Amino acid sequence: MKTIIALLAAGTALTSAAAAQDLAILNGRVITNTDQGQISSGGVLIRDGVIVSVGANIDVPDGVDTIDANGGWITPGIFAPFTQLGLIEVALEDTANDASASESEFSVALDVADSFNPNGTYIATSRIEGVTRFAVVPSTGSTVFAGLGALGDSSGDMDSLFDTQSFVFADLSQSGAGSAGGSRSAAWAYLEAAFGDARAYPGRYASGQGDALSRYDAASLVDVVRGRMPLILEVDRAADIRRAIRFAEENAPVQLVIFGAAEAWMVAGELAEAGIPVLMDPMRNLPSSFDALGSTLEAAARLDAAGVRVAYTTQTADGYFNARLLPQHAGNAVTNGVSWETAFRAITLTPAEIYGVGDQYGALAAGYMADVVVWDGDPLEVMSAPTHVIIDGEETEMSSRQTRLRDRYADMDDTTPFGYRR
């Protein structure tokens, strides 16, 4: 399955690259996320959707279109590692919310790619704020498993999901305990039984049923059990994170990623030793539940100091319409002790690495896909904004439904009745 998807993705990339323009972005402060570091005044050369040169004095061939950054910042596109973009238009309206399926008989096998809408309103609002890539994560229904997640870009193209069935999401926090039967013991027993079903697939189903999963769900968990697909596990309490670390050790070669992680800083050394990355919101500082009593604005800095690989989310600001606030959250991490370089990496290259695509996205270097954002100032400053967003070498439209509505009604001198304005 993954081989077929990879071949299809490669074909899509070639088609996209063939349509991409040759482009040079010049006269800006370049943030490379590589050993080149920051280039105080330089540029990026793009050919066929791929970066071919980054430096202070790049050679621009004749006839290549150019963008003048006017002394602004030139960076990789923002990679939001935990969103529900394209799944939800109105959270409280069931017909406009495909994030979860609480009445479904299936769990692991639920694939967000089948619900994803590339024309979702909030994809454009995220794009014009610098988000070029994102993970699409389902919500749990009647079990601890939510389903299969995907990776997408914010171009709005119909084929903007570039990696489907790329991870499985499960909830082992207090809410997951509730869906498993009422306790964390029940949730962990269910997860262990599910892994047993997948490990024994298909033989166990030849003459009977699994302990926890249907045949179809067990088949969808096989790649996770065999270490070919990450398991994103939501846990907040330090005790639960330690249990997750033990689960990863006992179920090697599973690729575990911790999401939420309110108290992860309390066991940062153990996470670092186990090599388990974390997806967390650096602005999470209130005890929103008994699981998160240890929340602190210094969590990101403490995890970083311990050597834990951390990517930032906007968990406290909702994932379906506020992924655009990711640079602001990273800026707050800097305020609370994280270096600027680490915080910016946590919203660009680090999430790409966690999802296994860090050799294609998240950096400005030869051979990387040309996801580039030009900013009018420091991208982690709340008053800065993108002036140009390039995805796969194509400059994108800097407008959304919100900006079009703003422009439509901003002209108070227009005497045309509001209903007839264009």
Protein backbone atom coordinates (compact mmCIF):
# COMPACT_ATOMS: atom_id res chain seq x y z
CA MET A 1 0.00 0.00 0.00
CA LYS A 2 2.72 2.49 1.02
CA THR A 3 4.75 1.61 -2.08
CA ILE A 4 1.78 2.34 -4.33
CA ILE A 5 1.10 5.60 -2.50
CA ALA A 6 4.77 6.59 -2.82
CA LEU A 7 4.70 5.96 -6.56
CA LEU A 8 1.49 7.95 -6.95
CA ALA A 9 2.94 10.77 -4.85
CA ALA A 10 6.08 10.79 -6.99
CA GLY A 11 3.97 11.02 -10.11
CA THR A 12 1.95 13.87 -8.61
CA ALA A 13 5.17 15.67 -7.62
CA LEU A 14 6.52 15.38 -11.14
CA THR A 15 3.27 16.74 -12.59
CA SER A 16 3.31 19.64 -10.11
CA ALA A 17 6.98 20.34 -10.75
CA ALA A 18 6.42 20.43 -14.50
CA ALA A 19 3.94 23.27 -13.99
CA ALA A 20 6.10 25.15 -11.48
CA GLN A 21 7.83 28.36 -12.48
CA ASP A 22 11.53 29.18 -12.36
CA LEU A 23 11.83 31.82 -9.70
CA ALA A 24 14.43 33.76 -7.74
CA ILE A 25 13.69 35.39 -4.37
CA LEU A 26 16.27 38.05 -3.60
CA ASN A 27 17.34 40.73 -1.15
CA GLY A 28 16.22 39.22 2.13
CA ARG A 29 17.39 37.70 5.38
CA VAL A 30 17.46 33.97 4.60
CA ILE A 31 16.68 31.42 7.31
CA THR A 32 17.96 28.11 5.98
CA ASN A 33 17.49 25.64 8.87
CA THR A 34 20.78 24.09 7.71
CA ASP A 35 24.46 24.42 8.56
CA GLN A 36 24.42 27.61 6.49
CA GLY A 37 22.45 29.19 9.30
CA GLN A 38 21.08 32.67 8.63
CA ILE A 39 22.24 34.68 5.64
CA SER A 40 21.89 38.37 6.41
CA SER A 41 21.32 39.34 2.78
CA GLY A 42 20.76 36.65 0.20
CA GLY A 43 18.30 34.76 -1.91
CA VAL A 44 16.86 31.47 -3.14
CA LEU A 45 16.79 30.14 -6.71
CA ILE A 46 13.98 27.75 -7.67
CA ARG A 47 13.77 25.58 -10.78
CA ASP A 48 10.89 23.20 -11.62
CA GLY A 49 9.51 23.42 -8.10
CA VAL A 50 12.81 22.53 -6.41
CA ILE A 51 15.38 24.72 -4.70
CA VAL A 52 18.65 24.69 -6.65
CA SER A 53 20.65 27.40 -4.89
CA VAL A 54 20.66 29.33 -1.59
CA GLY A 55 23.23 31.96 -0.73
CA ALA A 56 24.39 35.53 -0.48
CA ASN A 57 25.20 35.91 -4.19
CA ILE A 58 23.18 33.44 -6.20
CA ASP A 59 23.52 33.42 -9.98
CA VAL A 60 20.13 34.19 -11.52
CA PRO A 61 19.82 33.06 -15.17
CA ASP A 62 18.30 35.40 -17.72
CA GLY A 63 14.55 35.27 -18.02
CA VAL A 64 13.90 33.97 -14.51
CA ASP A 65 11.09 35.75 -12.65
CA THR A 66 12.23 37.46 -9.46
CA ILE A 67 10.65 38.51 -6.17
CA ASP A 68 12.31 41.33 -4.24
CA ALA A 69 12.04 40.63 -0.51
CA ASN A 70 12.86 44.30 0.14
CA GLY A 71 15.03 43.43 3.12
CA GLY A 72 12.40 41.16 4.66
CA TRP A 73 12.83 37.57 5.79
CA ILE A 74 12.97 34.55 3.47
CA THR A 75 12.13 31.29 5.24
CA PRO A 76 10.90 27.74 4.72
CA GLY A 77 7.13 27.41 4.88
CA ILE A 78 5.49 26.72 8.24
CA PHE A 79 4.68 23.04 8.88
CA ALA A 80 1.74 22.64 11.29
CA PRO A 81 2.07 19.16 12.83
CA PHE A 82 -1.41 18.73 14.30
CA THR A 83 -4.49 20.23 12.60
CA GLN A 84 -7.97 19.39 11.40
CA LEU A 85 -7.78 21.61 8.37
CA GLY A 86 -10.07 20.40 5.61
CA LEU A 87 -12.16 18.33 8.03
CA ILE A 88 -14.21 20.97 9.85
CA GLU A 89 -16.01 24.06 8.65
CA VAL A 90 -18.28 24.56 11.68
CA ALA A 91 -17.35 22.45 14.69
CA LEU A 92 -20.82 22.37 16.27
CA GLU A 93 -22.61 21.50 13.02
CA ASP A 94 -22.46 17.75 12.37
CA THR A 95 -22.93 18.11 8.62
CA ALA A 96 -19.84 20.35 8.45
CA ASN A 97 -17.63 18.25 10.73
CA ASP A 98 -15.88 15.10 9.49
CA ALA A 99 -13.24 14.91 12.23
CA SER A 100 -14.71 11.94 14.08
CA ALA A 101 -17.24 9.13 13.66
CA SER A 102 -18.51 8.16 17.09
CA GLU A 103 -21.23 5.86 15.68
CA SER A 104 -18.95 3.97 13.30
CA GLU A 105 -18.11 0.28 13.74
CA PHE A 106 -14.59 1.06 12.52
CA SER A 107 -11.74 2.94 14.21
CA VAL A 108 -8.15 2.49 13.00
CA ALA A 109 -9.31 2.08 9.40
CA LEU A 110 -11.06 5.46 9.26
CA ASP A 111 -8.97 7.44 6.77
CA VAL A 112 -9.05 11.26 6.88
CA ALA A 113 -8.18 11.34 3.17
CA ASP A 114 -11.74 10.23 2.46
CA SER A 115 -13.13 13.24 4.34
CA PHE A 116 -10.56 15.89 3.51
CA ASN A 117 -11.78 18.94 1.59
CA PRO A 118 -8.91 20.82 -0.13
CA ASN A 119 -11.25 23.80 -0.53
CA GLY A 120 -11.82 24.10 3.20
CA THR A 121 -12.16 27.75 4.20
CA TYR A 122 -9.45 27.67 6.84
CA ILE A 123 -6.79 26.23 4.55
CA ALA A 124 -6.53 29.55 2.73
CA THR A 125 -6.48 31.54 5.97
CA SER A 126 -3.59 29.37 7.14
CA ARG A 127 -1.73 29.70 3.83
CA ILE A 128 -1.73 33.49 3.79
CA GLU A 129 -0.22 33.40 7.30
CA GLY A 130 2.71 31.28 6.10
CA VAL A 131 1.52 27.69 6.66
CA THR A 132 2.48 25.62 3.61
CA ARG A 133 2.32 22.05 5.01
CA PHE A 134 0.24 20.42 7.73
CA ALA A 135 -0.78 17.12 9.26
CA VAL A 136 -4.49 16.27 9.18
CA VAL A 137 -5.46 14.39 12.35
CA PRO A 138 -8.83 12.72 13.05
CA SER A 139 -10.63 12.85 16.41
CA THR A 140 -11.52 9.75 18.38
CA GLY A 141 -14.99 8.28 18.30
CA SER A 142 -16.08 5.28 20.34
CA THR A 143 -12.60 3.80 20.96
CA VAL A 144 -9.11 5.07 21.75
CA PHE A 145 -8.26 4.94 18.03
CA ALA A 146 -9.20 7.91 15.84
CA GLY A 147 -7.94 6.57 12.52
CA LEU A 148 -5.38 7.22 9.81
CA GLY A 149 -3.94 10.71 9.37
CA ALA A 150 -2.46 12.40 6.32
CA LEU A 151 -0.04 15.15 5.30
CA GLY A 152 -1.14 17.96 3.03
CA ASP A 153 -0.16 21.30 1.56
CA SER A 154 -2.18 24.51 1.71
CA SER A 155 -2.29 25.19 -2.04
CA GLY A 156 -5.97 24.30 -2.24
CA ASP A 157 -5.27 21.97 -5.19
CA MET A 158 -7.43 18.87 -5.41
CA ASP A 159 -4.35 16.66 -4.97
CA SER A 160 -2.95 18.64 -2.04
CA LEU A 161 -2.71 15.59 0.24
CA PHE A 162 0.80 14.45 -0.61
CA ASP A 163 1.06 11.54 1.86
CA THR A 164 -2.05 9.62 2.91
CA GLN A 165 -2.22 6.89 5.58
CA SER A 166 0.92 8.39 7.05
CA PHE A 167 0.23 7.79 10.77
CA VAL A 168 -2.38 6.52 13.25
CA PHE A 169 -3.72 8.68 16.07
CA ALA A 170 -4.90 7.30 19.42
CA ASP A 171 -6.01 8.92 22.68
CA LEU A 172 -4.72 7.44 25.96
CA SER A 173 -5.45 10.53 28.07
CA GLN A 174 -8.39 10.76 30.48
CA SER A 175 -10.81 11.16 27.56
CA GLY A 176 -9.42 8.03 25.94
CA ALA A 177 -9.83 6.21 29.24
CA GLY A 178 -13.49 7.18 29.19
CA SER A 179 -14.08 5.73 25.73
CA ALA A 180 -12.23 2.52 26.64
CA GLY A 181 -14.45 1.70 29.59
CA GLY A 182 -13.76 4.26 32.30
CA SER A 183 -10.12 3.93 33.37
CA ARG A 184 -6.61 4.19 32.05
CA SER A 185 -6.16 0.50 32.84
CA ALA A 186 -8.94 -0.25 30.36
CA ALA A 187 -7.42 2.05 27.74
CA TRP A 188 -3.98 0.46 27.94
CA ALA A 189 -5.45 -3.05 27.96
CA TYR A 190 -7.37 -2.18 24.79
CA LEU A 191 -4.25 -0.77 23.11
CA GLU A 192 -2.19 -3.85 24.02
CA ALA A 193 -4.94 -6.15 22.75
CA ALA A 194 -5.20 -4.16 19.52
CA PHE A 195 -1.46 -4.51 18.96
CA GLY A 196 -1.80 -8.22 19.56
CA ASP A 197 -4.53 -8.43 16.94
CA ALA A 198 -2.46 -6.55 14.37
CA ARG A 199 0.66 -8.55 15.16
CA ALA A 200 -1.25 -11.79 14.54
CA TYR A 201 -3.03 -10.54 11.41
CA PRO A 202 -4.22 -12.22 9.21
CA GLY A 203 -3.87 -15.62 10.84
CA ARG A 204 -5.97 -14.79 13.90
CA TYR A 205 -8.89 -13.85 11.67
CA ALA A 206 -8.85 -17.00 9.55
CA SER A 207 -11.09 -18.83 11.98
CA GLY A 208 -12.26 -16.23 14.46
CA GLN A 209 -12.25 -12.63 15.68
CA GLY A 210 -9.62 -10.43 17.26
CA ASP A 211 -9.52 -9.54 20.94
CA ALA A 212 -10.08 -5.83 20.29
CA LEU A 213 -10.18 -5.04 16.57
CA SER A 214 -12.19 -6.13 13.58
CA ARG A 215 -10.28 -7.66 10.70
CA TYR A 216 -10.40 -4.41 8.74
CA ASP A 217 -9.09 -2.30 11.65
CA ALA A 218 -6.36 -4.82 12.45
CA ALA A 219 -5.12 -4.69 8.86
CA SER A 220 -4.84 -0.90 9.14
CA LEU A 221 -2.70 -1.18 12.28
CA VAL A 222 -0.15 -3.63 10.85
CA ASP A 223 2.22 -0.94 9.55
CA VAL A 224 2.25 0.74 12.98
CA VAL A 225 3.04 -2.51 14.79
CA ARG A 226 5.87 -3.23 12.36
CA GLY A 227 7.39 0.23 12.76
CA ARG A 228 6.62 1.44 9.27
CA MET A 229 4.08 4.10 10.33
CA PRO A 230 4.14 6.36 13.42
CA LEU A 231 1.63 6.10 16.25
CA ILE A 232 0.68 9.54 17.54
CA LEU A 233 -0.42 9.00 21.14
CA GLU A 234 -2.24 11.68 23.14
CA VAL A 235 -1.15 11.69 26.78
CA ASP A 236 -0.59 14.53 29.24
CA ARG A 237 0.17 13.18 32.72
CA ALA A 238 3.78 12.41 33.53
CA ALA A 239 2.72 8.98 34.78
CA ASP A 240 0.92 8.24 31.51
CA ILE A 241 3.92 9.39 29.47
CA ARG A 242 6.15 7.01 31.43
CA ARG A 243 3.67 4.22 30.66
CA ALA A 244 3.85 5.19 26.99
CA ILE A 245 7.64 4.99 27.07
CA ARG A 246 7.40 1.48 28.50
CA PHE A 247 4.84 0.58 25.84
CA ALA A 248 7.26 1.71 23.12
CA GLU A 249 10.08 -0.37 24.62
CA GLU A 250 7.90 -3.47 24.88
CA ASN A 251 6.49 -3.07 21.39
CA ALA A 252 9.61 -2.25 19.41
CA PRO A 253 9.99 -1.28 16.60
CA VAL A 254 6.89 0.94 17.03
CA GLN A 255 7.54 4.62 16.17
CA LEU A 256 5.87 6.53 19.00
CA VAL A 257 5.16 10.28 19.02
CA ILE A 258 3.63 11.95 22.08
CA PHE A 259 0.95 14.61 21.54
CA GLY A 260 -0.37 16.95 24.24
CA ALA A 261 2.47 16.32 26.69
CA ALA A 262 1.41 18.87 29.33
CA GLU A 263 3.65 17.23 31.95
CA ALA A 264 6.28 15.84 29.56
CA TRP A 265 8.91 18.16 31.04
CA MET A 266 8.72 16.13 34.26
CA VAL A 267 10.05 13.05 32.42
CA ALA A 268 12.09 14.89 29.79
CA GLY A 269 15.22 12.84 30.42
CA GLU A 270 13.37 9.57 29.90
CA LEU A 271 11.79 10.83 26.67
CA ALA A 272 15.18 11.96 25.37
CA GLU A 273 16.79 8.62 26.23
CA ALA A 274 13.96 6.75 24.50
CA GLY A 275 14.22 9.01 21.43
CA ILE A 276 10.48 9.78 21.50
CA PRO A 277 9.51 13.14 19.94
CA VAL A 278 6.80 15.41 21.30
CA LEU A 279 4.09 17.56 19.72
CA MET A 280 3.11 20.24 22.23
CA ASP A 281 1.71 23.75 22.54
CA PRO A 282 4.28 26.09 24.16
CA MET A 283 1.43 28.40 25.24
CA ARG A 284 -0.26 25.70 27.32
CA ASN A 285 0.10 26.95 30.88
CA LEU A 286 -3.28 26.42 32.58
CA PRO A 287 -4.43 23.22 34.34
CA SER A 288 -7.32 22.59 31.98
CA SER A 289 -7.81 19.12 33.49
CA PHE A 290 -6.37 16.91 36.21
CA ASP A 291 -4.11 15.47 33.51
CA ALA A 292 -2.52 18.88 32.96
CA LEU A 293 -1.86 20.17 36.47
CA GLY A 294 1.84 20.50 35.64
CA SER A 295 1.33 22.78 32.62
CA THR A 296 3.90 25.56 32.38
CA LEU A 297 5.10 28.10 29.82
CA GLU A 298 8.63 26.83 30.47
CA ALA A 299 7.82 23.29 29.29
CA ALA A 300 9.23 23.77 25.79
CA ALA A 301 12.52 25.14 27.12
CA ARG A 302 12.87 22.30 29.63
CA LEU A 303 12.21 19.66 26.98
CA ASP A 304 14.69 21.31 24.64
CA ALA A 305 17.34 21.47 27.37
CA ALA A 306 16.92 17.73 27.97
CA GLY A 307 17.42 16.95 24.28
CA VAL A 308 13.83 16.01 23.40
CA ARG A 309 12.84 16.65 19.80
CA VAL A 310 9.83 19.00 19.99
CA ALA A 311 7.44 20.37 17.37
CA TYR A 312 4.90 23.02 18.32
CA THR A 313 1.13 22.92 17.92
CA THR A 314 -1.75 25.36 18.46
CA GLN A 315 -3.67 22.99 20.73
CA THR A 316 -4.91 25.80 23.00
CA ALA A 317 -6.22 27.79 20.03
CA ASP A 318 -8.11 25.02 18.18
CA GLY A 319 -6.70 23.00 15.32
CA TYR A 320 -9.19 23.55 12.56
CA PHE A 321 -9.07 27.31 12.14
CA ASN A 322 -6.12 28.65 14.14
CA ALA A 323 -3.11 26.76 12.76
CA ARG A 324 -2.20 30.19 11.36
CA LEU A 325 -1.18 31.24 14.90
CA LEU A 326 1.74 28.80 15.00
CA PRO A 327 4.47 31.47 14.57
CA GLN A 328 2.95 33.43 17.47
CA HIS A 329 3.08 30.35 19.69
CA ALA A 330 6.71 29.80 18.70
CA GLY A 331 7.45 33.42 19.55
CA ASN A 332 6.04 32.86 23.02
CA ALA A 333 8.36 29.88 23.42
CA VAL A 334 11.29 32.23 22.73
CA THR A 335 9.96 34.57 25.43
CA ASN A 336 10.04 31.65 27.86
CA GLY A 337 13.56 30.42 27.28
CA VAL A 338 13.79 28.67 23.89
CA SER A 339 16.33 30.02 21.40
CA TRP A 340 14.91 31.70 18.29
CA GLU A 341 16.52 29.13 16.00
CA THR A 342 15.09 26.18 17.96
CA ALA A 343 11.60 27.70 18.14
CA PHE A 344 11.51 28.42 14.41
CA ARG A 345 12.79 24.94 13.64
CA ALA A 346 9.97 23.56 15.82
CA ILE A 347 7.38 24.91 13.36
CA THR A 348 9.26 24.04 10.15
CA LEU A 349 11.93 21.35 9.89
CA THR A 350 11.33 19.43 13.14
CA PRO A 351 7.71 18.48 12.37
CA ALA A 352 8.75 17.49 8.86
CA GLU A 353 11.43 15.22 10.36
CA ILE A 354 8.98 13.68 12.83
CA TYR A 355 6.68 12.73 9.96
CA GLY A 356 9.54 11.36 7.89
CA VAL A 357 9.65 14.08 5.22
CA GLY A 358 12.45 16.23 6.64
CA ASP A 359 14.56 15.58 3.57
CA GLN A 360 11.98 17.37 1.39
CA TYR A 361 10.38 20.11 3.51
CA GLY A 362 11.26 22.50 6.31
CA ALA A 363 14.59 23.85 5.07
CA LEU A 364 16.02 26.05 2.34
CA ALA A 365 18.69 23.94 0.66
CA ALA A 366 19.44 22.52 -2.76
CA GLY A 367 17.19 19.55 -3.48
CA TYR A 368 14.38 20.57 -1.13
CA MET A 369 10.89 21.23 -2.45
CA ALA A 370 10.40 24.96 -2.90
CA ASP A 371 8.08 25.88 -0.04
CA VAL A 372 9.22 29.44 0.67
CA VAL A 373 7.65 32.34 2.56
CA VAL A 374 8.70 35.99 2.33
CA TRP A 375 7.88 38.02 5.46
CA ASP A 376 7.91 41.75 6.06
CA GLY A 377 9.67 41.18 9.40
CA ASP A 378 10.65 38.54 11.96
CA PRO A 379 8.12 35.71 11.43
CA LEU A 380 7.88 35.06 15.17
CA GLU A 381 6.86 38.67 15.86
CA VAL A 382 3.09 38.98 16.10
CA MET A 383 2.97 42.10 13.89
CA SER A 384 4.90 40.51 11.00
CA ALA A 385 3.09 39.00 8.03
CA PRO A 386 3.91 37.12 4.82
CA THR A 387 4.06 39.09 1.59
CA HIS A 388 4.57 36.05 -0.68
CA VAL A 389 3.92 32.33 -0.16
CA ILE A 390 5.42 29.81 -2.59
CA ILE A 391 4.37 26.13 -2.53
CA ASP A 392 6.21 23.61 -4.70
CA GLY A 393 7.71 26.53 -6.60
CA GLU A 394 4.35 28.13 -7.40
CA GLU A 395 3.48 31.55 -6.00
CA THR A 396 0.06 31.30 -4.35
CA GLU A 397 -2.85 33.70 -4.05
CA MET A 398 -2.62 35.88 -0.93
CA SER A 399 -6.34 35.99 -0.25
CA SER A 400 -9.00 34.02 1.59
CA ARG A 401 -12.75 34.21 2.07
CA GLN A 402 -12.15 36.44 5.09
CA THR A 403 -9.97 38.91 3.19
CA ARG A 404 -12.43 39.03 0.30
CA LEU A 405 -15.30 39.78 2.70
CA ARG A 406 -13.15 42.45 4.36
CA ASP A 407 -12.40 44.08 1.03
CA ARG A 408 -16.01 43.83 -0.10
CA TYR A 409 -17.41 45.75 2.84
CA ALA A 410 -14.46 47.99 3.74
CA ASP A 411 -15.33 50.67 1.17
CA MET A 412 -17.93 52.68 3.04
CA ASP A 413 -18.06 55.25 0.22
CA ASP A 414 -19.47 52.70 -2.23
CA THR A 415 -23.17 53.52 -2.65
CA THR A 416 -24.03 50.17 -4.24
CA PRO A 417 -26.29 48.17 -1.89
CA PHE A 418 -24.21 45.64 0.07
CA GLY A 419 -26.01 42.69 -1.47
CA TYR A 420 -24.91 43.69 -4.97
CA ARG A 421 -21.27 44.46 -4.35
CA ARG A 422 -18.66 42.23 -5.93
